[in-house]
Amino acid sequence: MRRSSDPDVIARYAADESNTFFAENVEAIFFPQSEADLAEILREATASGTPVTVSGGGTGLTGARVATEGGLVVTMELMRHAEPREGFEQVSSVHDGLDYTVMLDAASGHAWCPPAITLDAVEALLAPHLLFPPAPTERSAMIGGAVAENASGARSFMHGPTRAWIEALEIVLPTGDTLHVARGDVLADGRTLRFASREGTPYEVQAPGYAMPATRKNAAGLYAADGMDLIDLFVGSEGILGVITAVLVRLTPRPTLFSDTAFFASEEEAIACADTLREAAANGLPLVSLEFYDPGALRFMADHPQVRPEHQAAIFTELDAGDPAIVERFAEIIIGCDPMDDWFADSDREREAQRDFRHALPENVNTFLRQHGTDKLCTDYAVPAGQFPTMMQAYHDACDAFLQVTGRPEASAVLFGHIGDYHLHIDFLPANAAEEDASMEQYAILAQHAIELGGTITAEHGVGKKTLPVGGRRIPYLEVMYGREGLLEIARAKVGLDPHRVLNRGNMMPASLLDEIR
């Protein structure tokens, strides 16, 4: 097993895509290639009390993979090959210069995936007939990280988040014990989960007592519900309970996708169209995704030939359009919405052009930020359906307040995202330190609004090591939603599996909180 203490190698794992969190006092980077390698690392770390931080693809925005507590970093990047399984066929391919292997049962629609396979590589290996449907937004993310975050994206409108598609997990626990758990194997008695590792060690974990938000998407804290499945405790746990070494995913037949972007003269018209499309989806229209762009977002794509200055909002949709009658029904709905312009993609070339259009927004935003040497602050709130108009007004109020600070109507904030799930993002675009402070103030105000409306502070990104200024002090981000007692409940669940408190310290709760658990 490879190990490196080279400062240049360590530096490659010192941050994530947020560029907000930075590792300190890292002793070495480990590169396991098997479950046995990983178990050995964790057994030795537990024995010595050495912190271990697990790194996936580094695409996260919350510092979850950043070793702020020092110690060891374990990168999963070499674990790209699924082990043979009875009844499964080996499927191998090279994607972006790396070789990957999954074990596929095409007849039942299941695949065992290694933790380091990227979402793009999964899609390539399963083509042209099958699909892992959640399609989280960051396609270079590793599937182990996607499971650990309960990641989601635009197509979660039809398919739900990652959790809904996980059938079994293989995990190395912080003690070095190993666990194989299939959905249905272990169900909670109330919220108490009892199980044994492969080595025969008994475990008992109490899931938190808090109520989950009534939103279609949520990635805040440990999953908790009466009678819950043990798998659901690990999905979205941000690596604090164990390290995923293999994932059994459920698949669907690959759809025939058409996409459409409709441009409107006002946000109100675009939102009304989204409501109409959402209702049609509830009544059987196979709408895969339903996305929104505000005027600020369109300004960042103003050089695109489809965007005109008078466009004030847009709705992007993807449709499973294998039946021509479905396309006709969809077209009637769009015509009834009376957009200023409509761009319908009915060919591979046009669909690729629309995909490029969607990616142009984050690329152009990031270019602006690089030019000013500042960092993007992106919200991730979702609220119940009935509260969305109130939250939308809060988004506008926050954008207006931030504009008063920046004075840049052309490049101050953009509002976009997964309107089908009542889950939009604001990207605040600060150009200096004072504007960064002002954006954080609005970020905190919006978080409180989302909670008051029964929503979540993070629908798809997780919380990692984020904090928030509240009442003149910074508190753990998740404390805003579940309070200090909720964090203590998460800490108790963690200590039940990680008695020496070594794994992914700082995720979800500050490491200091673990010291209060006896």
Protein backbone atom coordinates (compact mmCIF):
# COMPACT_ATOMS: atom_id res chain seq x y z
CA MET A 1 0.00 0.00 0.00
CA ARG A 2 1.39 3.35 -1.03
CA ARG A 3 2.05 6.02 1.60
CA SER A 4 3.47 9.51 1.01
CA SER A 5 4.71 12.27 3.31
CA ASP A 6 5.89 14.42 0.40
CA PRO A 7 4.70 18.01 1.07
CA ASP A 8 3.77 18.42 -2.60
CA VAL A 9 1.58 15.32 -2.47
CA ILE A 10 -0.01 16.41 0.81
CA ALA A 11 -0.77 19.82 -0.74
CA ARG A 12 -2.97 18.14 -3.39
CA TYR A 13 -5.40 17.08 -0.66
CA ALA A 14 -5.32 20.26 1.41
CA ALA A 15 -8.61 21.76 0.16
CA ASP A 16 -11.76 21.06 -1.83
CA GLU A 17 -13.71 22.97 -4.50
CA SER A 18 -14.82 25.58 -1.96
CA ASN A 19 -11.23 26.78 -1.34
CA THR A 20 -12.51 27.80 2.10
CA PHE A 21 -11.10 25.03 4.31
CA PHE A 22 -7.43 24.04 4.45
CA ALA A 23 -5.69 21.06 6.00
CA GLU A 24 -3.13 21.46 8.75
CA ASN A 25 -0.49 19.16 10.26
CA VAL A 26 -1.12 16.24 7.92
CA GLU A 27 1.41 13.48 8.55
CA ALA A 28 0.88 11.37 5.44
CA ILE A 29 -1.43 10.45 2.57
CA PHE A 30 -2.44 6.78 2.26
CA PHE A 31 -3.57 5.19 -1.03
CA PRO A 32 -5.47 1.96 -0.19
CA GLN A 33 -6.40 -0.37 -3.03
CA SER A 34 -8.61 -2.79 -1.12
CA GLU A 35 -10.92 -3.14 1.84
CA ALA A 36 -8.12 -4.94 3.69
CA ASP A 37 -5.77 -1.99 3.16
CA LEU A 38 -8.36 0.41 4.54
CA ALA A 39 -9.18 -1.79 7.52
CA GLU A 40 -5.49 -1.94 8.42
CA ILE A 41 -5.17 1.87 8.32
CA LEU A 42 -8.21 2.38 10.53
CA ARG A 43 -7.25 -0.32 13.05
CA GLU A 44 -3.84 1.27 13.52
CA ALA A 45 -5.29 4.80 13.69
CA THR A 46 -7.83 3.71 16.30
CA ALA A 47 -5.11 2.05 18.36
CA SER A 48 -2.96 5.20 18.30
CA GLY A 49 -5.81 7.74 18.43
CA THR A 50 -4.63 9.34 15.16
CA PRO A 51 -7.25 11.36 13.24
CA VAL A 52 -8.11 10.01 9.77
CA THR A 53 -9.79 12.09 7.08
CA VAL A 54 -11.13 10.36 3.96
CA SER A 55 -10.80 12.06 0.59
CA GLY A 56 -12.98 11.32 -2.40
CA GLY A 57 -12.89 13.33 -5.60
CA GLY A 58 -12.43 16.69 -3.88
CA THR A 59 -15.51 18.13 -5.60
CA GLY A 60 -17.34 19.02 -2.38
CA LEU A 61 -18.07 22.54 -1.17
CA THR A 62 -18.12 22.03 2.60
CA GLY A 63 -14.61 20.97 3.62
CA ALA A 64 -15.73 17.40 4.41
CA ARG A 65 -12.56 15.92 2.90
CA VAL A 66 -10.22 18.53 4.39
CA ALA A 67 -8.06 17.37 7.31
CA THR A 68 -8.38 20.42 9.54
CA GLU A 69 -7.57 18.17 12.53
CA GLY A 70 -4.35 16.92 10.96
CA GLY A 71 -3.30 13.29 11.21
CA LEU A 72 -3.68 11.01 8.19
CA VAL A 73 -5.54 11.48 4.90
CA VAL A 74 -6.83 8.40 3.12
CA THR A 75 -7.57 8.96 -0.54
CA MET A 76 -9.95 6.48 -2.16
CA GLU A 77 -8.84 7.24 -5.72
CA LEU A 78 -7.18 3.87 -6.40
CA MET A 79 -10.26 1.85 -5.42
CA ARG A 80 -11.67 1.84 -8.97
CA HIS A 81 -12.43 -1.85 -9.47
CA ALA A 82 -15.41 -3.78 -8.11
CA GLU A 83 -14.74 -7.25 -6.74
CA PRO A 84 -16.27 -10.25 -8.58
CA ARG A 85 -19.79 -11.18 -7.43
CA GLU A 86 -21.75 -14.33 -8.10
CA GLY A 87 -24.39 -13.71 -10.75
CA PHE A 88 -22.80 -10.44 -11.90
CA GLU A 89 -20.85 -9.79 -15.10
CA GLN A 90 -17.64 -7.81 -15.08
CA VAL A 91 -17.79 -4.63 -17.17
CA SER A 92 -14.56 -2.68 -17.60
CA SER A 93 -13.66 0.44 -19.51
CA VAL A 94 -11.24 3.35 -19.65
CA HIS A 95 -12.75 6.77 -18.99
CA ASP A 96 -10.78 10.02 -18.95
CA GLY A 97 -7.58 8.01 -18.93
CA LEU A 98 -8.45 5.81 -15.92
CA ASP A 99 -9.60 2.19 -15.93
CA TYR A 100 -12.75 1.20 -14.01
CA THR A 101 -14.66 -2.00 -13.34
CA VAL A 102 -18.25 -2.53 -12.22
CA MET A 103 -20.07 -5.82 -11.68
CA LEU A 104 -23.36 -5.72 -13.57
CA ASP A 105 -26.56 -7.77 -13.45
CA ALA A 106 -28.33 -6.25 -16.43
CA ALA A 107 -31.36 -8.51 -16.10
CA SER A 108 -32.22 -7.34 -12.59
CA GLY A 109 -30.93 -3.80 -13.12
CA HIS A 110 -28.25 -3.74 -10.41
CA ALA A 111 -24.54 -2.98 -10.36
CA TRP A 112 -21.81 -3.23 -7.73
CA CYS A 113 -19.63 -0.13 -8.01
CA PRO A 114 -16.24 0.64 -6.46
CA PRO A 115 -16.10 3.80 -4.34
CA ALA A 116 -13.73 5.72 -6.62
CA ILE A 117 -15.64 5.35 -9.87
CA THR A 118 -16.81 8.75 -11.07
CA LEU A 119 -20.43 9.41 -11.94
CA ASP A 120 -19.42 10.10 -15.54
CA ALA A 121 -17.61 6.76 -15.70
CA VAL A 122 -20.66 4.94 -14.28
CA GLU A 123 -22.79 6.50 -16.99
CA ALA A 124 -20.29 5.54 -19.70
CA LEU A 125 -19.97 1.92 -18.50
CA LEU A 126 -23.74 1.44 -18.30
CA ALA A 127 -24.48 2.96 -21.73
CA PRO A 128 -26.40 2.57 -23.92
CA HIS A 129 -29.15 0.66 -22.11
CA LEU A 130 -28.99 1.37 -18.37
CA LEU A 131 -28.72 4.43 -16.14
CA PHE A 132 -27.90 5.28 -12.52
CA PRO A 133 -30.73 7.80 -12.36
CA PRO A 134 -30.08 10.36 -9.59
CA ALA A 135 -27.42 12.08 -11.76
CA PRO A 136 -25.86 14.38 -9.13
CA THR A 137 -24.68 17.64 -10.67
CA GLU A 138 -20.91 17.21 -10.27
CA ARG A 139 -20.18 14.45 -12.76
CA SER A 140 -16.52 14.05 -11.76
CA ALA A 141 -17.55 13.18 -8.18
CA MET A 142 -16.88 9.63 -7.00
CA ILE A 143 -19.84 7.42 -6.22
CA GLY A 144 -18.58 6.74 -2.68
CA GLY A 145 -18.68 10.47 -2.02
CA ALA A 146 -22.09 10.80 -3.66
CA VAL A 147 -23.46 8.16 -1.28
CA ALA A 148 -21.74 9.75 1.72
CA GLU A 149 -23.40 13.08 0.83
CA ASN A 150 -26.75 11.68 -0.37
CA ALA A 151 -26.02 13.79 -3.45
CA SER A 152 -28.64 14.85 -5.95
CA GLY A 153 -29.04 17.08 -8.98
CA ALA A 154 -31.47 18.22 -11.63
CA ARG A 155 -32.78 14.74 -12.47
CA SER A 156 -33.65 14.11 -8.84
CA PHE A 157 -36.94 15.81 -9.74
CA MET A 158 -38.06 12.51 -11.27
CA HIS A 159 -35.80 10.03 -9.54
CA GLY A 160 -35.12 11.38 -6.05
CA PRO A 161 -31.69 11.66 -4.40
CA THR A 162 -28.98 9.01 -4.23
CA ARG A 163 -30.43 7.35 -1.10
CA ALA A 164 -33.42 5.99 -3.04
CA TRP A 165 -31.14 3.96 -5.35
CA ILE A 166 -28.79 2.28 -2.85
CA GLU A 167 -29.52 -1.41 -2.25
CA ALA A 168 -26.43 -2.54 -0.32
CA LEU A 169 -23.20 -1.16 1.10
CA GLU A 170 -19.88 -2.56 2.18
CA ILE A 171 -18.23 -0.42 4.84
CA VAL A 172 -15.08 -0.36 6.93
CA LEU A 173 -16.00 0.93 10.38
CA PRO A 174 -13.62 3.25 12.28
CA THR A 175 -12.42 0.33 14.41
CA GLY A 176 -11.29 -1.58 11.31
CA ASP A 177 -14.26 -3.95 11.50
CA THR A 178 -16.12 -4.53 8.23
CA LEU A 179 -19.82 -4.50 7.50
CA HIS A 180 -21.98 -5.77 4.65
CA VAL A 181 -25.54 -4.52 4.87
CA ALA A 182 -28.34 -4.92 2.34
CA ARG A 183 -31.54 -2.92 2.42
CA GLY A 184 -33.97 -4.66 4.75
CA ASP A 185 -31.28 -6.54 6.71
CA VAL A 186 -31.37 -4.27 9.78
CA LEU A 187 -34.35 -2.16 10.75
CA ALA A 188 -34.49 0.06 13.81
CA ASP A 189 -36.47 -0.76 16.92
CA GLY A 190 -37.87 2.74 17.26
CA ARG A 191 -34.62 4.56 16.54
CA THR A 192 -32.27 1.95 17.99
CA LEU A 193 -30.21 0.00 15.45
CA ARG A 194 -28.55 -3.25 16.52
CA PHE A 195 -26.22 -5.23 14.26
CA ALA A 196 -22.91 -7.08 14.14
CA SER A 197 -19.83 -6.64 11.99
CA ARG A 198 -18.48 -9.45 9.82
CA GLU A 199 -15.97 -10.06 12.58
CA GLY A 200 -18.82 -10.65 15.03
CA THR A 201 -18.52 -7.44 17.04
CA PRO A 202 -21.97 -6.28 18.25
CA TYR A 203 -22.95 -2.64 17.77
CA GLU A 204 -25.86 -0.57 19.01
CA VAL A 205 -26.51 2.90 17.63
CA GLN A 206 -29.24 5.34 18.61
CA ALA A 207 -30.34 7.49 15.68
CA PRO A 208 -31.05 11.14 16.54
CA GLY A 209 -34.47 12.06 17.85
CA TYR A 210 -34.97 15.18 15.75
CA ALA A 211 -37.65 15.50 13.05
CA MET A 212 -36.47 15.61 9.45
CA PRO A 213 -37.69 18.54 7.34
CA ALA A 214 -40.70 18.04 5.09
CA THR A 215 -38.77 18.72 1.89
CA ARG A 216 -38.27 16.64 -1.23
CA LYS A 217 -34.50 16.85 -0.78
CA ASN A 218 -32.39 17.04 2.38
CA ALA A 219 -28.68 16.50 3.07
CA ALA A 220 -28.52 17.95 6.58
CA GLY A 221 -27.35 15.65 9.35
CA LEU A 222 -27.80 11.93 9.92
CA TYR A 223 -31.00 10.41 8.58
CA ALA A 224 -33.33 9.60 11.47
CA ALA A 225 -36.80 8.01 11.52
CA ASP A 226 -38.66 5.38 13.50
CA GLY A 227 -38.10 1.91 12.04
CA MET A 228 -35.42 3.21 9.67
CA ASP A 229 -33.10 1.02 7.64
CA LEU A 230 -29.45 0.82 8.71
CA ILE A 231 -28.40 1.67 5.14
CA ASP A 232 -30.09 5.04 5.47
CA LEU A 233 -27.98 5.89 8.51
CA PHE A 234 -24.82 5.58 6.42
CA VAL A 235 -26.15 7.29 3.28
CA GLY A 236 -25.59 11.01 3.80
CA SER A 237 -23.47 10.49 6.94
CA GLU A 238 -20.54 12.48 5.45
CA GLY A 239 -18.05 9.78 6.41
CA ILE A 240 -18.36 10.14 10.19
CA LEU A 241 -19.62 6.57 10.76
CA GLY A 242 -17.54 4.51 8.36
CA VAL A 243 -15.87 4.37 4.95
CA ILE A 244 -17.80 2.97 1.99
CA THR A 245 -15.83 0.40 -0.01
CA ALA A 246 -18.53 -0.95 -2.35
CA VAL A 247 -22.01 0.18 -3.40
CA LEU A 248 -24.85 -1.85 -4.90
CA VAL A 249 -26.97 0.53 -6.95
CA ARG A 250 -30.34 -0.02 -8.57
CA LEU A 251 -30.59 1.03 -12.21
CA THR A 252 -33.28 2.06 -14.68
CA PRO A 253 -33.56 1.68 -18.45
CA ARG A 254 -31.88 4.63 -20.13
CA PRO A 255 -34.58 7.05 -21.33
CA THR A 256 -34.85 8.85 -24.65
CA LEU A 257 -34.20 12.39 -23.45
CA PHE A 258 -35.37 15.57 -25.10
CA SER A 259 -34.64 18.93 -23.49
CA ASP A 260 -36.15 22.39 -23.74
CA THR A 261 -35.31 25.90 -22.60
CA ALA A 262 -38.18 28.39 -22.57
CA PHE A 263 -37.41 32.11 -22.13
CA PHE A 264 -39.90 34.48 -20.47
CA ALA A 265 -40.48 38.20 -20.13
CA SER A 266 -40.77 37.94 -16.33
CA GLU A 267 -39.93 35.68 -13.42
CA GLU A 268 -43.63 35.42 -12.57
CA GLU A 269 -44.41 33.88 -15.95
CA ALA A 270 -41.51 31.44 -15.65
CA ILE A 271 -42.56 30.33 -12.16
CA ALA A 272 -46.16 29.90 -13.32
CA CYS A 273 -44.90 27.69 -16.14
CA ALA A 274 -42.87 25.65 -13.64
CA ASP A 275 -46.01 25.17 -11.54
CA THR A 276 -47.93 23.98 -14.61
CA LEU A 277 -45.17 21.56 -15.58
CA ARG A 278 -44.88 20.23 -12.02
CA GLU A 279 -48.62 19.55 -11.97
CA ALA A 280 -48.37 17.79 -15.34
CA ALA A 281 -45.54 15.64 -13.97
CA ALA A 282 -47.71 14.69 -10.99
CA ASN A 283 -50.34 13.59 -13.52
CA GLY A 284 -47.99 11.36 -15.48
CA LEU A 285 -45.90 13.55 -17.78
CA PRO A 286 -42.41 11.94 -17.60
CA LEU A 287 -40.54 15.12 -16.76
CA VAL A 288 -37.01 14.26 -15.67
CA SER A 289 -35.79 17.71 -14.58
CA LEU A 290 -37.26 21.16 -14.02
CA GLU A 291 -34.81 24.06 -13.61
CA PHE A 292 -35.00 27.86 -13.27
CA TYR A 293 -32.78 30.84 -14.23
CA ASP A 294 -33.38 34.39 -13.00
CA PRO A 295 -32.36 37.63 -14.82
CA GLY A 296 -28.96 37.67 -13.11
CA ALA A 297 -28.24 34.13 -14.26
CA LEU A 298 -29.20 34.97 -17.85
CA ARG A 299 -26.93 38.02 -17.78
CA PHE A 300 -24.01 35.68 -17.13
CA MET A 301 -24.98 33.82 -20.31
CA ALA A 302 -25.74 36.93 -22.36
CA ASP A 303 -23.19 36.05 -25.03
CA HIS A 304 -25.09 32.88 -25.91
CA PRO A 305 -26.99 33.19 -29.22
CA GLN A 306 -30.25 31.99 -27.63
CA VAL A 307 -30.28 34.69 -24.93
CA ARG A 308 -31.77 38.11 -25.70
CA PRO A 309 -31.62 41.22 -23.48
CA GLU A 310 -35.38 41.20 -22.96
CA HIS A 311 -35.34 37.67 -21.47
CA GLN A 312 -35.95 37.94 -17.73
CA ALA A 313 -36.15 34.27 -16.77
CA ALA A 314 -35.90 30.80 -18.24
CA ILE A 315 -37.16 27.29 -17.50
CA PHE A 316 -35.07 24.30 -18.53
CA THR A 317 -36.64 20.85 -18.68
CA GLU A 318 -35.66 17.32 -19.66
CA LEU A 319 -38.32 14.90 -20.86
CA ASP A 320 -38.37 11.12 -21.24
CA ALA A 321 -39.80 11.33 -24.73
CA GLY A 322 -39.78 7.83 -26.18
CA ASP A 323 -43.43 8.24 -27.19
CA PRO A 324 -44.20 11.02 -29.75
CA ALA A 325 -47.51 11.64 -27.99
CA ILE A 326 -45.56 12.70 -24.90
CA VAL A 327 -43.64 15.26 -26.92
CA GLU A 328 -46.87 16.65 -28.33
CA ARG A 329 -48.38 16.93 -24.85
CA PHE A 330 -45.27 18.68 -23.56
CA ALA A 331 -45.26 21.09 -26.52
CA GLU A 332 -48.89 22.03 -25.83
CA ILE A 333 -48.01 22.88 -22.22
CA ILE A 334 -45.06 25.04 -23.25
CA ILE A 335 -47.11 26.85 -25.88
CA GLY A 336 -49.77 27.48 -23.24
CA CYS A 337 -47.12 29.09 -21.02
CA ASP A 338 -46.57 31.68 -23.79
CA PRO A 339 -42.78 32.09 -23.59
CA MET A 340 -41.05 34.84 -25.53
CA ASP A 341 -38.80 32.24 -27.14
CA ASP A 342 -38.50 28.48 -26.94
CA TRP A 343 -35.44 26.37 -27.71
CA PHE A 344 -36.38 22.71 -28.10
CA ALA A 345 -33.57 20.18 -28.44
CA ASP A 346 -34.67 17.13 -30.42
CA SER A 347 -31.26 15.98 -31.66
CA ASP A 348 -28.02 14.90 -30.02
CA ARG A 349 -26.34 18.04 -31.28
CA GLU A 350 -28.99 20.35 -29.81
CA ARG A 351 -29.11 18.45 -26.54
CA GLU A 352 -25.36 18.81 -26.21
CA ALA A 353 -25.71 22.53 -26.96
CA GLN A 354 -28.26 22.85 -24.15
CA ARG A 355 -25.96 20.96 -21.80
CA ASP A 356 -23.18 23.43 -22.66
CA PHE A 357 -25.65 26.28 -22.04
CA ARG A 358 -26.39 24.98 -18.55
CA HIS A 359 -22.70 24.62 -17.73
CA ALA A 360 -21.95 28.13 -18.97
CA LEU A 361 -23.49 29.70 -15.86
CA PRO A 362 -21.14 28.23 -13.21
CA GLU A 363 -18.18 28.60 -15.55
CA ASN A 364 -18.88 32.30 -16.13
CA VAL A 365 -19.56 32.91 -12.44
CA ASN A 366 -16.27 31.26 -11.51
CA THR A 367 -14.45 33.36 -14.10
CA PHE A 368 -15.84 36.54 -12.49
CA LEU A 369 -14.71 35.40 -9.04
CA ARG A 370 -11.23 34.47 -10.21
CA GLN A 371 -10.87 37.92 -11.76
CA HIS A 372 -11.68 39.51 -8.39
CA GLY A 373 -9.80 37.03 -6.20
CA THR A 374 -12.89 36.22 -4.15
CA ASP A 375 -14.90 33.10 -3.31
CA LYS A 376 -18.46 32.28 -4.27
CA LEU A 377 -20.99 31.88 -1.47
CA CYS A 378 -23.74 29.56 -2.66
CA THR A 379 -26.96 28.80 -0.80
CA ASP A 380 -28.50 25.32 -0.80
CA TYR A 381 -31.89 25.79 0.84
CA ALA A 382 -35.12 23.93 0.06
CA VAL A 383 -38.56 24.42 1.59
CA PRO A 384 -41.91 22.64 1.50
CA ALA A 385 -44.07 23.37 -1.53
CA GLY A 386 -46.53 25.64 0.22
CA GLN A 387 -43.73 27.83 1.58
CA PHE A 388 -41.91 28.37 -1.70
CA PRO A 389 -43.52 31.76 -2.57
CA THR A 390 -42.44 33.10 0.85
CA MET A 391 -38.92 31.77 0.35
CA MET A 392 -38.79 33.24 -3.14
CA GLN A 393 -39.55 36.66 -1.68
CA ALA A 394 -36.78 36.13 0.86
CA TYR A 395 -34.37 35.33 -1.97
CA HIS A 396 -35.31 38.58 -3.72
CA ASP A 397 -34.94 40.58 -0.51
CA ALA A 398 -31.47 39.09 0.05
CA CYS A 399 -30.38 39.83 -3.52
CA ASP A 400 -31.68 43.41 -3.21
CA ALA A 401 -29.88 43.93 0.10
CA PHE A 402 -26.64 42.62 -1.33
CA LEU A 403 -27.03 44.81 -4.41
CA GLN A 404 -27.20 47.84 -2.13
CA VAL A 405 -23.69 46.91 -0.98
CA THR A 406 -22.18 46.03 -4.37
CA GLY A 407 -23.90 48.57 -6.62
CA ARG A 408 -23.44 46.10 -9.50
CA PRO A 409 -26.79 45.12 -11.00
CA GLU A 410 -24.97 43.35 -13.82
CA ALA A 411 -22.94 41.06 -11.52
CA SER A 412 -24.10 40.90 -7.91
CA ALA A 413 -25.99 37.64 -7.41
CA VAL A 414 -27.61 34.93 -9.50
CA LEU A 415 -30.63 32.81 -8.57
CA PHE A 416 -31.08 29.46 -10.29
CA GLY A 417 -31.56 25.76 -9.80
CA HIS A 418 -33.96 22.98 -9.04
CA ILE A 419 -37.32 24.71 -8.95
CA GLY A 420 -39.08 21.38 -9.43
CA ASP A 421 -37.98 20.46 -5.90
CA TYR A 422 -38.47 24.01 -4.52
CA HIS A 423 -34.70 24.12 -4.20
CA LEU A 424 -32.92 27.14 -5.65
CA HIS A 425 -29.35 28.39 -5.25
CA ILE A 426 -28.20 31.98 -4.87
CA ASP A 427 -24.61 32.54 -5.88
CA PHE A 428 -23.50 35.74 -4.18
CA LEU A 429 -20.66 37.31 -6.19
CA PRO A 430 -18.47 39.42 -3.89
CA ALA A 431 -15.65 41.47 -5.41
CA ASN A 432 -13.87 42.32 -2.14
CA ALA A 433 -13.68 41.41 1.55
CA ALA A 434 -16.45 43.82 2.60
CA GLU A 435 -18.80 42.28 0.05
CA GLU A 436 -17.87 38.80 1.26
CA ASP A 437 -18.98 39.82 4.77
CA ALA A 438 -22.22 41.27 3.39
CA SER A 439 -22.96 38.08 1.45
CA MET A 440 -22.42 35.97 4.57
CA GLU A 441 -24.91 38.17 6.44
CA GLN A 442 -27.59 37.50 3.82
CA TYR A 443 -26.66 33.82 3.74
CA ALA A 444 -27.33 33.56 7.48
CA ILE A 445 -30.64 35.42 7.20
CA LEU A 446 -31.80 33.04 4.46
CA ALA A 447 -30.80 30.00 6.50
CA GLN A 448 -33.04 31.18 9.34
CA HIS A 449 -35.89 31.78 6.88
CA ALA A 450 -35.58 28.26 5.46
CA ILE A 451 -35.70 26.72 8.93
CA GLU A 452 -38.67 28.83 10.03
CA LEU A 453 -40.54 27.66 6.91
CA GLY A 454 -39.92 24.00 7.76
CA GLY A 455 -37.14 23.59 5.20
CA THR A 456 -33.53 22.49 5.13
CA ILE A 457 -30.30 24.47 5.17
CA THR A 458 -28.73 22.03 2.72
CA ALA A 459 -30.69 20.06 0.17
CA GLU A 460 -27.78 18.45 -1.67
CA HIS A 461 -24.34 19.72 -0.59
CA GLY A 462 -24.13 18.53 3.04
CA VAL A 463 -22.71 20.58 5.91
CA GLY A 464 -19.15 19.30 6.32
CA LYS A 465 -17.17 21.72 8.48
CA LYS A 466 -19.21 24.84 7.71
CA THR A 467 -20.06 27.39 10.39
CA LEU A 468 -22.43 30.34 10.41
CA PRO A 469 -22.33 33.71 12.19
CA VAL A 470 -25.26 33.92 14.61
CA GLY A 471 -25.59 36.46 17.42
CA GLY A 472 -22.04 37.68 17.07
CA ARG A 473 -20.40 34.25 17.16
CA ARG A 474 -19.80 31.43 14.70
CA ILE A 475 -21.62 28.20 15.39
CA PRO A 476 -21.63 24.84 13.58
CA TYR A 477 -23.85 25.14 10.53
CA LEU A 478 -26.00 22.17 11.50
CA GLU A 479 -26.66 23.64 14.95
CA VAL A 480 -28.76 26.33 13.24
CA MET A 481 -31.16 23.61 12.13
CA TYR A 482 -31.14 21.00 14.89
CA GLY A 483 -29.77 22.91 17.87
CA ARG A 484 -26.97 21.86 20.17
CA GLU A 485 -28.92 18.83 21.40
CA GLY A 486 -29.27 17.60 17.81
CA LEU A 487 -25.51 17.80 17.38
CA LEU A 488 -24.99 15.89 20.62
CA GLU A 489 -27.33 13.16 19.36
CA ILE A 490 -25.28 12.90 16.16
CA ALA A 491 -22.11 12.79 18.24
CA ARG A 492 -23.49 9.93 20.37
CA ALA A 493 -24.36 7.95 17.24
CA LYS A 494 -20.84 8.51 15.94
CA VAL A 495 -19.17 7.44 19.16
CA GLY A 496 -21.23 4.25 19.09
CA LEU A 497 -19.31 3.27 15.96
CA ASP A 498 -16.13 5.30 16.48
CA PRO A 499 -15.35 5.04 20.21
CA HIS A 500 -11.90 6.58 19.75
CA ARG A 501 -13.31 9.47 17.68
CA VAL A 502 -10.72 9.24 14.89
CA LEU A 503 -12.71 9.27 11.63
CA ASN A 504 -13.49 12.46 9.71
CA ARG A 505 -13.34 14.68 12.77
CA GLY A 506 -15.08 18.03 12.31
CA ASN A 507 -17.73 16.87 9.85
CA MET A 508 -21.29 17.75 10.92
CA MET A 509 -20.10 18.83 14.36
CA PRO A 510 -16.92 20.35 15.81
CA ALA A 511 -14.39 17.81 17.06
CA SER A 512 -14.54 19.44 20.49
CA LEU A 513 -18.15 18.30 20.87
CA LEU A 514 -17.07 14.66 20.69
CA ASP A 515 -15.04 15.15 23.86
CA GLU A 516 -18.28 15.77 25.75
CA ILE A 517 -19.57 12.27 24.95
CA ARG A 518 -18.63 9.61 27.47
